[in-house]
Protein backbone atom coordinates (compact mmCIF):
# COMPACT_ATOMS: atom_id res chain seq x y z
CA MET A 1 68.56 48.16 112.99
CA LEU A 2 70.24 52.00 112.80
CA LEU A 3 73.57 52.67 113.32
CA ALA A 4 73.73 55.96 114.93
CA ILE A 5 77.49 57.64 114.36
CA ASP A 6 78.51 60.63 116.80
CA CYS A 7 81.83 62.29 115.55
CA GLY A 8 83.58 64.79 117.67
CA ASN A 9 87.06 66.37 117.43
CA THR A 10 88.45 63.52 119.86
CA ASN A 11 86.51 60.45 119.72
CA THR A 12 83.69 58.96 116.99
CA VAL A 13 80.79 56.57 118.77
CA PHE A 14 79.21 54.28 116.96
CA SER A 15 75.89 52.62 118.27
CA ILE A 16 73.20 50.17 116.98
CA TRP A 17 69.86 50.28 117.60
CA ASP A 18 67.28 48.13 117.30
CA GLY A 19 64.19 50.19 117.88
CA ALA A 20 63.96 49.53 121.70
CA ARG A 21 67.43 49.77 123.11
CA PHE A 22 71.24 50.29 122.54
CA LEU A 23 72.63 46.65 121.24
CA ALA A 24 76.18 47.91 121.16
CA THR A 25 78.18 51.22 121.46
CA TRP A 26 82.08 51.44 120.27
CA ARG A 27 83.87 54.54 120.12
CA ILE A 28 87.68 55.13 118.09
CA ALA A 29 89.66 57.72 117.61
CA THR A 30 88.33 60.52 114.91
CA ASP A 31 90.77 60.74 111.84
CA HIS A 32 89.90 62.07 108.56
CA LYS A 33 92.66 59.77 106.96
CA ARG A 34 90.13 56.84 107.74
CA THR A 35 88.41 55.12 104.88
CA ALA A 36 85.10 53.46 104.23
CA ASP A 37 86.29 50.06 103.94
CA GLU A 38 88.86 50.68 107.13
CA TYR A 39 85.64 51.65 109.18
CA PHE A 40 83.83 48.19 108.09
CA VAL A 41 86.33 46.04 108.86
CA TRP A 42 86.23 47.59 112.38
CA LEU A 43 82.96 47.62 113.30
CA SER A 44 82.42 44.05 111.70
CA THR A 45 84.89 42.65 113.83
CA LEU A 46 83.65 44.16 116.64
CA LEU A 47 80.24 42.81 115.83
CA MET A 48 81.72 38.84 115.20
CA LEU A 49 83.07 39.43 118.86
CA ASN A 50 79.94 40.63 120.38
CA LYS A 51 78.12 37.46 118.78
CA LEU A 52 75.79 40.01 116.89
CA ASP A 53 73.93 39.25 113.34
CA VAL A 54 72.18 42.27 112.71
CA LYS A 55 71.16 43.78 109.47
CA ILE A 56 71.63 47.50 109.44
CA ASN A 57 69.62 49.33 107.22
CA SER A 58 69.34 52.87 108.33
CA ALA A 59 72.14 55.61 109.79
CA ILE A 60 72.22 58.90 111.26
CA ILE A 61 75.63 60.67 111.69
CA SER A 62 76.32 64.14 113.62
CA SER A 63 79.60 65.51 112.80
CA THR A 64 81.76 68.23 114.16
CA ALA A 65 84.26 67.49 112.10
CA PRO A 66 83.19 67.97 108.59
CA ARG A 67 86.19 66.32 106.75
CA VAL A 68 85.32 62.80 108.14
CA VAL A 69 81.21 62.72 107.12
CA PHE A 70 82.39 61.82 103.25
CA ASN A 71 83.73 58.61 104.17
CA LEU A 72 81.29 57.88 107.22
CA ARG A 73 78.69 58.35 104.18
CA VAL A 74 80.09 56.16 101.91
CA LEU A 75 80.25 53.65 104.61
CA CYS A 76 76.53 53.52 105.06
CA ASP A 77 76.03 53.55 101.32
CA ARG A 78 78.63 51.00 100.26
CA TYR A 79 78.00 48.55 102.71
CA TYR A 80 74.82 48.88 104.51
CA GLY A 81 72.90 50.31 101.48
CA CYS A 82 71.34 53.04 102.93
CA ARG A 83 71.58 56.96 102.70
CA PRO A 84 72.44 58.38 106.01
CA TYR A 85 71.08 61.40 107.43
CA VAL A 86 73.55 64.05 108.56
CA VAL A 87 72.50 66.61 111.41
CA GLY A 88 72.79 69.92 109.79
CA ARG A 89 72.63 69.31 106.03
CA PRO A 90 69.91 69.74 104.14
CA GLY A 91 67.75 66.40 104.28
CA CYS A 92 68.23 66.27 107.83
CA VAL A 93 65.04 68.38 109.46
CA LEU A 94 65.20 69.05 112.99
CA PRO A 95 62.05 68.50 115.42
CA HIS A 96 62.95 71.86 116.65
CA ALA A 97 64.39 74.92 114.64
CA PRO A 98 67.21 76.50 116.09
CA ARG A 99 66.47 80.27 116.81
CA VAL A 100 70.25 81.70 116.67
CA ASP A 101 71.27 84.85 114.57
CA GLN A 102 70.84 84.61 110.95
CA GLY A 103 73.89 82.94 109.19
CA THR A 104 75.20 81.05 112.13
CA THR A 105 76.33 77.72 112.23
CA VAL A 106 75.63 75.72 115.30
CA GLY A 107 77.32 72.25 116.10
CA PRO A 108 75.20 69.61 115.12
CA ASP A 109 76.18 67.46 118.38
CA ARG A 110 74.56 71.13 120.27
CA LEU A 111 71.60 70.88 118.69
CA VAL A 112 71.04 67.13 119.02
CA ASN A 113 71.93 67.36 122.75
CA ALA A 114 69.08 69.84 123.09
CA THR A 115 66.63 67.92 121.15
CA SER A 116 67.54 64.87 123.69
CA ALA A 117 67.20 66.73 126.58
CA PHE A 118 63.76 68.36 125.78
CA ASP A 119 62.37 64.83 124.92
CA ARG A 120 63.20 63.61 128.66
CA HIS A 121 63.36 66.75 130.61
CA GLY A 122 60.92 69.51 128.76
CA GLY A 123 62.15 73.34 128.03
CA ASN A 124 64.14 75.66 130.31
CA LEU A 125 67.38 73.79 130.01
CA ILE A 126 71.07 74.24 130.40
CA VAL A 127 72.65 71.31 128.65
CA VAL A 128 76.51 70.96 129.76
CA ASP A 129 78.93 68.92 127.91
CA PHE A 130 82.01 67.93 129.34
CA GLY A 131 83.71 67.32 125.38
CA THR A 132 87.08 68.94 123.77
CA ALA A 133 85.00 71.78 124.63
CA THR A 134 83.15 72.59 127.52
CA THR A 135 79.98 73.72 125.79
CA PHE A 136 76.63 75.26 127.69
CA ASP A 137 73.44 74.94 125.54
CA VAL A 138 70.40 76.55 126.48
CA VAL A 139 66.87 74.94 125.50
CA ASP A 140 63.96 77.28 125.40
CA THR A 141 60.43 76.34 126.35
CA ASP A 142 59.27 74.86 123.13
CA GLY A 143 62.92 73.13 122.64
CA ALA A 144 64.35 75.18 120.37
CA TYR A 145 67.94 75.56 120.58
CA ILE A 146 68.25 79.13 121.09
CA GLY A 147 72.73 80.04 122.05
CA GLY A 148 74.98 79.13 124.32
CA VAL A 149 78.41 79.08 125.67
CA ILE A 150 81.71 77.40 124.69
CA ALA A 151 84.79 77.45 126.83
CA PRO A 152 88.16 75.18 126.59
CA GLY A 153 87.51 71.33 127.50
CA VAL A 154 89.35 70.34 130.68
CA ASN A 155 91.84 68.34 129.06
CA LEU A 156 92.48 71.13 126.56
CA SER A 157 92.99 73.05 129.20
CA LEU A 158 95.78 71.01 130.98
CA GLU A 159 97.46 70.08 127.81
CA ALA A 160 98.02 73.82 126.97
CA LEU A 161 99.17 74.27 130.80
CA HIS A 162 101.82 71.60 130.44
CA MET A 163 102.75 72.86 126.68
CA ALA A 164 103.01 76.46 127.73
CA ALA A 165 105.25 75.96 130.77
CA ALA A 166 107.93 73.62 130.50
CA ALA A 167 108.34 72.69 134.56
CA LEU A 168 104.56 71.82 134.83
CA PRO A 169 104.27 67.98 133.88
CA HIS A 170 101.09 66.28 132.25
CA VAL A 171 98.64 65.20 134.63
CA ASP A 172 95.05 63.80 135.07
CA VAL A 173 91.81 64.87 135.50
CA SER A 174 90.88 63.54 138.83
CA ARG A 175 89.34 65.17 141.94
CA PRO A 176 91.49 66.19 144.73
CA ASP A 177 91.21 65.36 148.37
CA ARG A 178 91.94 68.70 149.45
CA VAL A 179 91.24 72.20 147.83
CA ILE A 180 94.79 73.21 148.65
CA GLY A 181 97.77 71.44 147.10
CA THR A 182 100.93 70.69 148.75
CA ASN A 183 102.56 69.80 145.36
CA THR A 184 102.67 70.62 141.85
CA VAL A 185 100.80 67.79 140.53
CA ALA A 186 98.51 68.50 143.39
CA CYS A 187 98.01 71.88 142.81
CA MET A 188 97.44 71.71 139.25
CA GLN A 189 94.72 69.16 139.67
CA SER A 190 92.98 71.08 142.11
CA GLY A 191 93.26 74.40 140.11
CA VAL A 192 91.83 72.68 136.98
CA TYR A 193 89.03 70.70 138.78
CA TRP A 194 87.50 73.35 141.16
CA GLY A 195 88.26 75.92 138.56
CA TYR A 196 86.22 74.04 136.32
CA VAL A 197 83.23 73.45 139.09
CA GLY A 198 83.53 77.60 139.68
CA LEU A 199 83.16 77.95 135.81
CA VAL A 200 80.14 75.66 135.26
CA GLU A 201 78.71 76.92 138.36
CA GLY A 202 78.96 80.57 137.23
CA ILE A 203 78.17 80.39 133.94
CA VAL A 204 74.69 78.53 134.94
CA ARG A 205 74.39 81.26 137.71
CA GLN A 206 74.52 83.83 134.60
CA ILE A 207 72.47 82.06 132.45
CA ARG A 208 70.12 81.84 134.93
CA ALA A 209 69.64 85.75 135.72
CA GLU A 210 69.60 86.33 131.83
CA ARG A 211 66.95 84.18 131.50
CA ASP A 212 65.10 85.32 134.68
CA ARG A 213 63.47 81.92 135.35
CA PRO A 214 63.99 78.53 136.77
CA MET A 215 66.05 76.41 134.63
CA GLN A 216 67.67 72.53 135.01
CA VAL A 217 70.58 71.99 134.31
CA ILE A 218 71.91 68.53 132.07
CA ALA A 219 74.92 67.28 132.10
CA THR A 220 76.49 64.85 129.98
CA GLY A 221 79.97 64.14 128.34
CA GLY A 222 83.22 62.01 129.62
CA LEU A 223 84.36 63.90 132.60
CA ALA A 224 80.49 64.82 133.70
CA PRO A 225 80.20 61.85 136.25
CA LEU A 226 83.45 63.17 137.75
CA PHE A 227 82.62 67.11 138.10
CA GLU A 228 79.06 65.85 139.49
CA GLN A 229 80.90 64.84 142.65
CA GLY A 230 82.27 68.35 143.32
CA THR A 231 78.70 70.65 142.98
CA GLU A 232 75.07 69.80 143.35
CA ILE A 233 74.45 72.30 140.29
CA PHE A 234 73.13 69.30 138.22
CA ASP A 235 69.73 67.99 138.04
CA ALA A 236 70.83 64.87 136.07
CA VAL A 237 73.60 63.38 134.66
CA GLU A 238 73.16 61.29 131.15
CA ASP A 239 76.00 59.55 129.36
CA ASP A 240 73.66 58.64 126.37
CA LEU A 241 71.72 61.93 125.44
CA THR A 242 73.50 62.18 122.13
CA MET A 243 72.58 59.18 120.80
CA HIS A 244 69.17 59.27 122.27
CA GLY A 245 68.96 62.55 120.36
CA LEU A 246 70.16 60.89 117.16
CA VAL A 247 67.71 58.21 117.54
CA LEU A 248 65.22 60.79 118.33
CA ILE A 249 65.97 62.59 115.08
CA HIS A 250 66.22 59.80 112.93
CA ASP A 251 62.79 58.64 113.52
CA HIS A 252 61.04 62.43 113.16
CA ASN A 253 62.69 62.14 109.82
CA ARG A 254 61.46 59.17 109.01
CA ARG A 255 58.26 60.02 110.10
CA LEU A 256 58.40 62.67 107.49
CA GLU A 257 59.12 60.88 104.43
CA SER A 258 56.32 58.49 105.06
CA ALA A 259 53.60 61.40 105.94
């Protein structure tokens, strides 16, 4: 049984893979103060509530929050008796090495998504991830990550707008019925929603022009299905892209160790 952990800036996702499918997936707020013991109690309780009698014996971690990794590694070592692979750290080899400027550190989640998308769709891809940041990852013909774009995330932009302008309320992200809002909330929702649709379509158009070739666009992240409603730019929307990538990277390293 594999424990796959995707630690983002806002939430951390835990999934259990039995070799053929994900048995369960759970989400918790990312907090570097949370101890290994707290993680174990939380996970054990969820396993019990879901009547899952599993023996976790391997793990892999992808984390954009470096301070969280230590306690996650302790969790795997102390309670599951395994040394986890950590994407981006020594000892965890990617199937396709990234080609970026020397000395550049690429977010582990972006490398995982590139690996996953290439496995499912082949090369020449743009992976759009609607997370805390909205990222665009470019995957070359051979599966290598070759760069991308980072823009502020949708919720981050809404929160900044609310904080910077005292008269503007906090609003949820949703697709408005009309582009022209007739009240403050509708105006803000339209600006954010259609603004990000325009951002995605514009950046994808520029990447395709720069690469001068056809490129599929794969969307992931919690808000991807919502934005799919406002554009035809996406060839696929996948909510399990990162977890699938973690399984691929784990299996790749296991094969290297046994070779």
